[in-house]
Protein backbone atom coordinates (compact mmCIF):
# COMPACT_ATOMS: atom_id res chain seq x y z
CA UNK A 1 -10.61 -3.34 14.79
CA UNK A 2 -9.25 -0.08 13.40
CA UNK A 3 -10.43 2.52 10.93
CA UNK A 4 -13.70 4.40 11.04
CA UNK A 5 -15.90 1.31 10.89
CA UNK A 6 -14.01 -1.59 12.53
CA UNK A 7 -15.32 -5.17 12.14
CA UNK A 8 -18.44 -3.95 10.35
CA UNK A 9 -16.24 -3.39 7.29
CA UNK A 10 -13.16 -5.57 7.78
CA UNK A 11 -14.98 -8.83 8.52
CA UNK A 12 -17.32 -8.72 5.47
CA UNK A 13 -14.31 -7.85 3.32
CA UNK A 14 -12.39 -10.82 4.73
CA UNK A 15 -15.27 -13.22 4.14
CA UNK A 16 -15.71 -11.99 0.58
CA UNK A 17 -12.00 -12.32 -0.14
CA UNK A 18 -11.53 -15.89 1.13
CA UNK A 19 -14.63 -16.94 -0.80
CA UNK A 20 -13.09 -15.49 -3.96
CA UNK A 21 -9.52 -16.66 -3.35
CA UNK A 22 -9.20 -20.40 -2.49
CA UNK A 23 -5.46 -20.10 -1.72
CA UNK A 24 -5.95 -17.52 1.05
CA UNK A 25 -6.39 -18.03 4.76
CA UNK A 26 -7.16 -15.07 7.03
CA UNK A 27 -6.65 -14.54 10.74
CA UNK A 28 -9.07 -11.94 12.12
CA UNK A 29 -7.31 -10.17 14.98
CA UNK A 30 -9.24 -8.24 17.60
CA UNK A 31 -11.96 -8.60 20.21
CA UNK A 32 -13.33 -12.06 19.70
CA UNK A 33 -16.92 -11.26 20.59
CA UNK A 34 -17.13 -8.37 18.12
CA UNK A 35 -15.57 -10.39 15.30
CA UNK A 36 -17.70 -13.46 16.01
CA UNK A 37 -20.87 -11.37 15.94
CA UNK A 38 -20.04 -10.17 12.42
CA UNK A 39 -19.19 -13.69 11.25
CA UNK A 40 -22.53 -14.96 12.56
CA UNK A 41 -24.34 -12.27 10.55
CA UNK A 42 -22.56 -13.51 7.43
CA UNK A 43 -23.06 -17.23 8.18
CA UNK A 44 -19.28 -17.61 8.15
CA UNK A 45 -18.55 -18.58 11.75
CA UNK A 46 -17.36 -22.04 10.69
CA UNK A 47 -15.46 -21.01 7.59
CA UNK A 48 -12.46 -23.37 7.28
CA UNK A 49 -10.06 -20.63 6.20
CA UNK A 50 -11.05 -17.98 8.72
CA UNK A 51 -9.83 -17.94 12.31
CA UNK A 52 -9.94 -15.47 15.18
CA UNK A 53 -6.98 -14.29 17.26
CA UNK A 54 -8.22 -12.50 20.37
CA UNK A 55 -6.66 -9.14 21.33
CA UNK A 56 -7.92 -7.21 24.34
CA UNK A 57 -6.99 -3.68 23.23
CA UNK A 58 -7.53 -1.40 20.24
CA UNK A 59 -5.31 1.46 19.03
CA UNK A 60 -7.66 4.39 18.53
CA UNK A 61 -7.28 6.73 15.56
CA UNK A 62 -6.25 9.57 17.90
CA UNK A 63 -3.89 7.55 20.12
CA UNK A 64 -0.34 8.87 20.40
CA UNK A 65 2.64 6.78 19.35
CA UNK A 66 3.60 6.35 23.00
CA UNK A 67 0.20 4.83 23.79
CA UNK A 68 0.36 2.50 20.79
CA UNK A 69 3.91 1.37 21.51
CA UNK A 70 4.16 1.25 25.29
CA UNK A 71 0.70 1.06 26.80
CA UNK A 72 -1.34 -1.05 24.41
CA UNK A 73 0.87 -4.10 24.04
CA UNK A 74 -2.10 -6.38 23.42
CA UNK A 75 -3.69 -4.22 20.76
CA UNK A 76 -5.09 -5.89 17.65
CA UNK A 77 -2.54 -3.95 15.62
CA UNK A 78 0.45 -5.18 17.59
CA UNK A 79 -0.82 -8.75 17.84
CA UNK A 80 -1.38 -8.88 14.07
CA UNK A 81 2.11 -7.57 13.34
CA UNK A 82 3.59 -10.03 15.84
CA UNK A 83 1.91 -12.87 13.93
CA UNK A 84 3.91 -11.78 10.88
CA UNK A 85 7.12 -11.63 12.90
CA UNK A 86 6.54 -15.12 14.32
CA UNK A 87 5.78 -16.57 10.89
CA UNK A 88 2.16 -17.40 11.67
CA UNK A 89 1.02 -14.97 8.97
CA UNK A 90 2.72 -13.77 5.82
CA UNK A 91 1.20 -10.29 5.82
CA UNK A 92 -0.72 -7.87 8.02
CA UNK A 93 -3.53 -5.59 6.80
CA UNK A 94 -4.80 -2.75 8.97
CA UNK A 95 -7.13 0.23 8.57
CA UNK A 96 -5.93 1.75 11.83
CA UNK A 97 -3.88 4.78 12.82
CA UNK A 98 -1.19 5.18 10.14
CA UNK A 99 1.46 6.65 12.43
CA UNK A 100 0.89 3.96 15.01
CA UNK A 101 0.95 1.22 12.38
CA UNK A 102 4.28 2.43 11.05
CA UNK A 103 5.78 2.87 14.53
CA UNK A 104 4.62 -0.52 15.84
CA UNK A 105 5.64 -2.27 12.61
CA UNK A 106 9.09 -0.77 12.73
CA UNK A 107 9.47 -1.61 16.42
CA UNK A 108 8.28 -5.21 16.12
CA UNK A 109 9.59 -6.19 12.69
CA UNK A 110 12.63 -3.89 12.34
CA UNK A 111 13.88 -2.65 8.98
CA UNK A 112 15.63 -4.68 6.33
CA UNK A 113 19.45 -4.53 6.24
CA UNK A 114 20.50 -1.41 4.34
CA UNK A 115 17.16 0.37 4.76
CA UNK A 116 17.21 3.49 6.92
CA UNK A 117 13.50 4.28 6.76
CA UNK A 118 10.42 2.35 5.63
CA UNK A 119 8.24 4.03 3.01
CA UNK A 120 4.54 3.92 2.18
CA UNK A 121 3.85 2.88 -1.41
CA UNK A 122 0.57 2.67 -3.29
CA UNK A 123 -0.69 2.64 -6.87
CA UNK A 124 -2.49 5.30 -8.88
CA UNK A 125 -4.27 4.83 -12.23
CA UNK A 126 -2.76 6.16 -15.43
CA UNK A 127 -3.85 6.79 -19.01
CA UNK A 128 -2.09 3.66 -20.25
CA UNK A 129 -4.50 1.48 -18.32
CA UNK A 130 -1.92 0.30 -15.81
CA UNK A 131 -0.79 1.39 -12.37
CA UNK A 132 1.78 4.01 -11.42
CA UNK A 133 3.51 3.08 -8.16
CA UNK A 134 4.32 6.04 -5.94
CA UNK A 135 6.37 6.35 -2.75
CA UNK A 136 6.76 7.75 -0.13
CA UNK A 137 3.21 8.79 0.75
CA UNK A 138 3.60 10.11 4.26
CA UNK A 139 5.92 7.99 6.36
CA UNK A 140 8.89 10.35 5.95
CA UNK A 141 8.12 14.06 5.78
CA UNK A 142 11.79 15.08 5.67
CA UNK A 143 14.13 12.98 3.53
CA UNK A 144 17.77 12.95 2.57
CA UNK A 145 19.04 11.84 -0.85
CA UNK A 146 19.96 8.36 0.41
CA UNK A 147 16.41 7.83 1.61
CA UNK A 148 14.89 8.67 -1.78
CA UNK A 149 17.57 6.48 -3.34
CA UNK A 150 16.46 3.54 -1.17
CA UNK A 151 12.81 4.23 -2.02
CA UNK A 152 13.68 3.85 -5.71
CA UNK A 153 15.36 0.51 -5.04
CA UNK A 154 12.47 -0.85 -3.00
CA UNK A 155 9.90 0.39 -5.50
CA UNK A 156 11.78 -1.25 -8.36
CA UNK A 157 11.90 -4.58 -6.54
CA UNK A 158 8.19 -4.37 -5.74
CA UNK A 159 7.10 -3.57 -9.29
CA UNK A 160 9.40 -6.20 -10.77
CA UNK A 161 7.87 -8.84 -8.49
CA UNK A 162 4.18 -7.89 -8.70
CA UNK A 163 3.94 -6.58 -12.27
CA UNK A 164 6.54 -8.85 -13.85
CA UNK A 165 8.48 -5.92 -15.34
CA UNK A 166 12.17 -6.79 -15.49
CA UNK A 167 13.42 -3.20 -15.44
CA UNK A 168 10.66 -0.89 -14.23
CA UNK A 169 11.25 2.77 -14.99
CA UNK A 170 11.77 5.22 -12.13
CA UNK A 171 10.88 8.89 -12.19
CA UNK A 172 11.95 11.45 -9.58
CA UNK A 173 9.10 13.88 -8.83
CA UNK A 174 10.23 17.45 -9.38
CA UNK A 175 8.98 20.89 -10.40
CA UNK A 176 10.41 20.41 -13.88
CA UNK A 177 12.12 17.84 -16.09
CA UNK A 178 15.39 19.78 -16.38
CA UNK A 179 18.34 18.69 -14.26
CA UNK A 180 18.79 22.21 -12.89
CA UNK A 181 15.26 22.21 -11.40
CA UNK A 182 14.38 21.30 -7.82
CA UNK A 183 15.87 21.62 -4.36
CA UNK A 184 19.23 20.24 -3.26
CA UNK A 185 17.76 16.97 -2.00
CA UNK A 186 16.15 16.19 -5.35
CA UNK A 187 19.25 17.22 -7.30
CA UNK A 188 21.52 15.04 -5.17
CA UNK A 189 19.11 12.14 -5.43
CA UNK A 190 19.15 12.45 -9.20
CA UNK A 191 22.94 12.09 -9.16
CA UNK A 192 22.64 8.80 -7.24
CA UNK A 193 19.93 7.48 -9.54
CA UNK A 194 21.80 8.44 -12.69
CA UNK A 195 24.83 6.54 -11.39
CA UNK A 196 22.65 3.47 -10.82
CA UNK A 197 21.22 3.82 -14.31
CA UNK A 198 24.71 4.01 -15.82
CA UNK A 199 25.74 0.84 -13.98
CA UNK A 200 22.57 -1.00 -15.01
CA UNK A 201 21.09 -1.32 -11.52
CA UNK A 202 18.10 0.97 -11.99
CA UNK A 203 16.14 2.13 -15.01
CA UNK A 204 16.10 5.83 -14.15
CA UNK A 205 13.95 7.87 -16.52
CA UNK A 206 14.84 11.24 -14.98
CA UNK A 207 12.78 13.98 -13.40
CA UNK A 208 9.01 13.82 -13.82
CA UNK A 209 6.25 16.30 -13.01
CA UNK A 210 2.86 15.81 -11.38
CA UNK A 211 1.03 15.24 -14.67
CA UNK A 212 3.39 12.37 -15.50
CA UNK A 213 1.93 10.32 -12.65
CA UNK A 214 -1.40 9.91 -14.44
CA UNK A 215 0.07 9.84 -17.92
CA UNK A 216 2.03 6.72 -16.97
CA UNK A 217 5.36 8.20 -18.00
CA UNK A 218 7.18 5.91 -15.56
CA UNK A 219 6.28 2.77 -13.63
CA UNK A 220 7.45 4.31 -10.35
CA UNK A 221 7.44 7.87 -9.02
CA UNK A 222 9.69 8.67 -6.07
CA UNK A 223 9.25 11.64 -3.71
CA UNK A 224 9.37 12.51 -0.02
CA UNK A 225 6.39 11.77 2.20
CA UNK A 226 5.28 15.39 2.53
CA UNK A 227 4.82 15.85 -1.20
CA UNK A 228 3.55 12.31 -1.74
CA UNK A 229 0.79 12.53 0.84
CA UNK A 230 -0.47 15.82 -0.58
CA UNK A 231 -0.50 14.37 -4.11
CA UNK A 232 -2.36 11.27 -2.94
CA UNK A 233 -5.06 13.13 -0.99
CA UNK A 234 -5.53 15.69 -3.76
CA UNK A 235 -5.86 12.91 -6.35
CA UNK A 236 -8.43 11.02 -4.30
CA UNK A 237 -10.39 14.21 -3.71
CA UNK A 238 -10.36 15.04 -7.42
CA UNK A 239 -11.54 11.55 -8.33
CA UNK A 240 -14.51 11.80 -5.98
CA UNK A 241 -15.26 15.34 -7.16
CA UNK A 242 -15.38 14.31 -10.82
CA UNK A 243 -17.57 11.32 -10.05
CA UNK A 244 -20.01 13.33 -7.93
CA UNK A 245 -20.09 16.23 -10.39
CA UNK A 246 -20.92 13.94 -13.30
CA UNK A 247 -23.69 12.27 -11.29
CA UNK A 248 -25.18 15.64 -10.37
CA UNK A 249 -25.12 16.88 -13.97
CA UNK A 250 -26.76 13.75 -15.34
CA UNK A 251 -29.60 14.17 -12.82
CA UNK A 252 -30.09 17.84 -13.64
CA UNK A 253 -32.63 17.30 -16.44
CA UNK A 254 -34.60 14.61 -18.22
CA UNK A 255 -32.48 15.07 -21.35
CA UNK A 256 -29.30 14.61 -19.36
CA UNK A 257 -30.74 11.49 -17.74
CA UNK A 258 -31.56 10.11 -21.18
CA UNK A 259 -27.98 10.77 -22.25
CA UNK A 260 -26.75 8.97 -19.14
CA UNK A 261 -28.95 5.99 -19.97
CA UNK A 262 -27.55 5.80 -23.50
CA UNK A 263 -23.97 6.07 -22.24
CA UNK A 264 -24.45 3.91 -19.13
CA UNK A 265 -21.81 1.38 -20.21
CA UNK A 266 -19.13 4.01 -20.64
CA UNK A 267 -20.20 5.80 -17.47
CA UNK A 268 -20.00 2.60 -15.43
CA UNK A 269 -16.53 1.83 -16.78
CA UNK A 270 -15.37 5.38 -16.08
CA UNK A 271 -16.79 5.26 -12.57
CA UNK A 272 -14.96 2.02 -11.85
CA UNK A 273 -11.70 3.34 -13.24
CA UNK A 274 -11.92 6.53 -11.18
CA UNK A 275 -13.06 4.81 -7.99
CA UNK A 276 -10.32 5.39 -5.35
CA UNK A 277 -11.41 2.25 -3.50
CA UNK A 278 -9.97 0.11 -6.30
CA UNK A 279 -6.53 1.45 -5.50
CA UNK A 280 -6.78 1.04 -1.73
CA UNK A 281 -3.97 -0.72 0.11
CA UNK A 282 -0.56 0.86 0.60
CA UNK A 283 2.48 -1.25 1.42
CA UNK A 284 4.97 -0.32 4.13
CA UNK A 285 8.17 -1.11 2.28
CA UNK A 286 11.51 -1.70 3.97
CA UNK A 287 10.34 -3.81 6.92
CA UNK A 288 11.25 -7.41 7.71
CA UNK A 289 7.66 -8.38 7.06
CA UNK A 290 4.72 -7.41 4.87
CA UNK A 291 2.39 -4.76 6.30
CA UNK A 292 -0.39 -3.05 4.32
CA UNK A 293 -2.39 0.03 5.25
CA UNK A 294 -5.99 0.56 4.22
CA UNK A 295 -7.67 3.95 4.37
CA UNK A 296 -9.52 4.26 7.64
CA UNK A 297 -12.74 5.39 5.99
CA UNK A 298 -12.92 2.65 3.34
CA UNK A 299 -15.94 0.42 2.84
CA UNK A 300 -15.79 -3.37 2.57
CA UNK A 301 -15.13 -3.19 -1.18
CA UNK A 302 -12.09 -0.99 -0.65
CA UNK A 303 -10.75 -3.00 2.29
CA UNK A 304 -11.00 -6.16 0.21
CA UNK A 305 -8.69 -4.53 -2.32
CA UNK A 306 -6.18 -3.89 0.48
CA UNK A 307 -6.31 -7.59 1.38
CA UNK A 308 -5.74 -8.40 -2.30
CA UNK A 309 -2.61 -6.24 -2.38
CA UNK A 310 -1.21 -8.00 0.69
CA UNK A 311 -2.06 -11.42 -0.73
CA UNK A 312 -0.36 -10.64 -4.04
CA UNK A 313 2.75 -9.31 -2.26
CA UNK A 314 3.03 -12.55 -0.30
CA UNK A 315 2.26 -14.70 -3.33
CA UNK A 316 4.90 -13.00 -5.46
CA UNK A 317 7.46 -13.12 -2.65
CA UNK A 318 7.95 -9.36 -2.58
CA UNK A 319 9.72 -9.39 0.79
CA UNK A 320 12.62 -11.57 -0.31
CA UNK A 321 12.82 -9.74 -3.65
CA UNK A 322 13.25 -6.40 -1.91
CA UNK A 323 15.67 -7.88 0.62
CA UNK A 324 17.75 -9.45 -2.14
CA UNK A 325 17.77 -6.23 -4.16
CA UNK A 326 18.97 -4.18 -1.20
CA UNK A 327 21.58 -6.82 -0.31
CA UNK A 328 22.94 -6.88 -3.86
CA UNK A 329 23.02 -3.13 -4.33
CA UNK A 330 23.98 -2.14 -0.81
CA UNK A 331 25.76 -5.16 0.73
CA UNK A 332 25.61 -5.38 4.50
CA UNK A 333 28.26 -7.37 6.34
CA UNK A 334 26.86 -10.15 8.48
CA UNK A 335 23.34 -9.80 7.08
CA UNK A 336 21.45 -12.01 4.68
CA UNK A 337 18.24 -11.57 2.71
CA UNK A 338 14.95 -12.72 4.19
CA UNK A 339 14.17 -16.34 3.30
CA UNK A 340 11.94 -16.83 0.31
CA UNK A 341 8.41 -18.05 0.91
CA UNK A 342 6.80 -20.81 -1.11
CA UNK A 343 4.33 -19.21 -3.55
CA UNK A 344 2.43 -22.47 -4.10
CA UNK A 345 1.42 -22.75 -0.46
CA UNK A 346 -1.64 -21.24 1.16
CA UNK A 347 -1.11 -17.59 1.95
CA UNK A 348 -2.12 -16.31 5.37
CA UNK A 349 -2.79 -12.64 6.18
């Protein structure tokens, strides 16, 4: 029900995804009449792998955390997250209020043993043709070294599970590659990561700069949420600017249009590669359940990518991999990792 467009985007994306992925089953959470109306338009009301879970309230994009947590206890957001907690779904995908989603997720699901703060992680394209995973992207504006240290652990577990990389490389975002660069938090974090590298726990590359994100220098880039969110929004804005600028230039004259026609294959491939919608879907790492955030303004194509990210995380058992990694590296007395799911079963989001 959330985001800028609500069921007009989320329902078509859900229908498209289950039609493309036979192992997926989706529960559409929100006002039943609004969801059903969209399903009728798409001739998908009787789809065997789509069901509706009614929720009477909606968390608005401008609702405060207090409203989301205390007043709207039957919101689509909270009901969806509760389905994950109760084991009726393996992941939750929302395009709603980011702050509310994080707050409600943390309240309902709690954090994994050994994790102080959840982090938002997403992927960005790089020159090597693969993804660069980056966290945190806005959940934690102010961080201490131990928080960035935990982000590196969670990111490593995620990339190892989803990408199949045994020892993914970790870069610490800084204003320079030299050890003497950066503020005290970054310097102290580097000490922790170097110790992990020496003991074989993490594959710490060292400090990286902003250009390294898109060069693919490391598999993972770690930073605080203030810096990460600015990098993400600036990158998305640049991608759209380049795409729009190229389109405008090709339409400027008949000769340019002829050139565009000749190079249409390359232009189409470039447009796809630079399309921010293909990288939509950020995971909230560190919770006792899988929660994914879609951009509120995304279209159905972009929201479907967010569903794909959640599906893959459930399929590759990311939750238990992160839990096990944290338990092994930072043992907690009296706690045990989350139980592993069965990847060959139908995945529900």
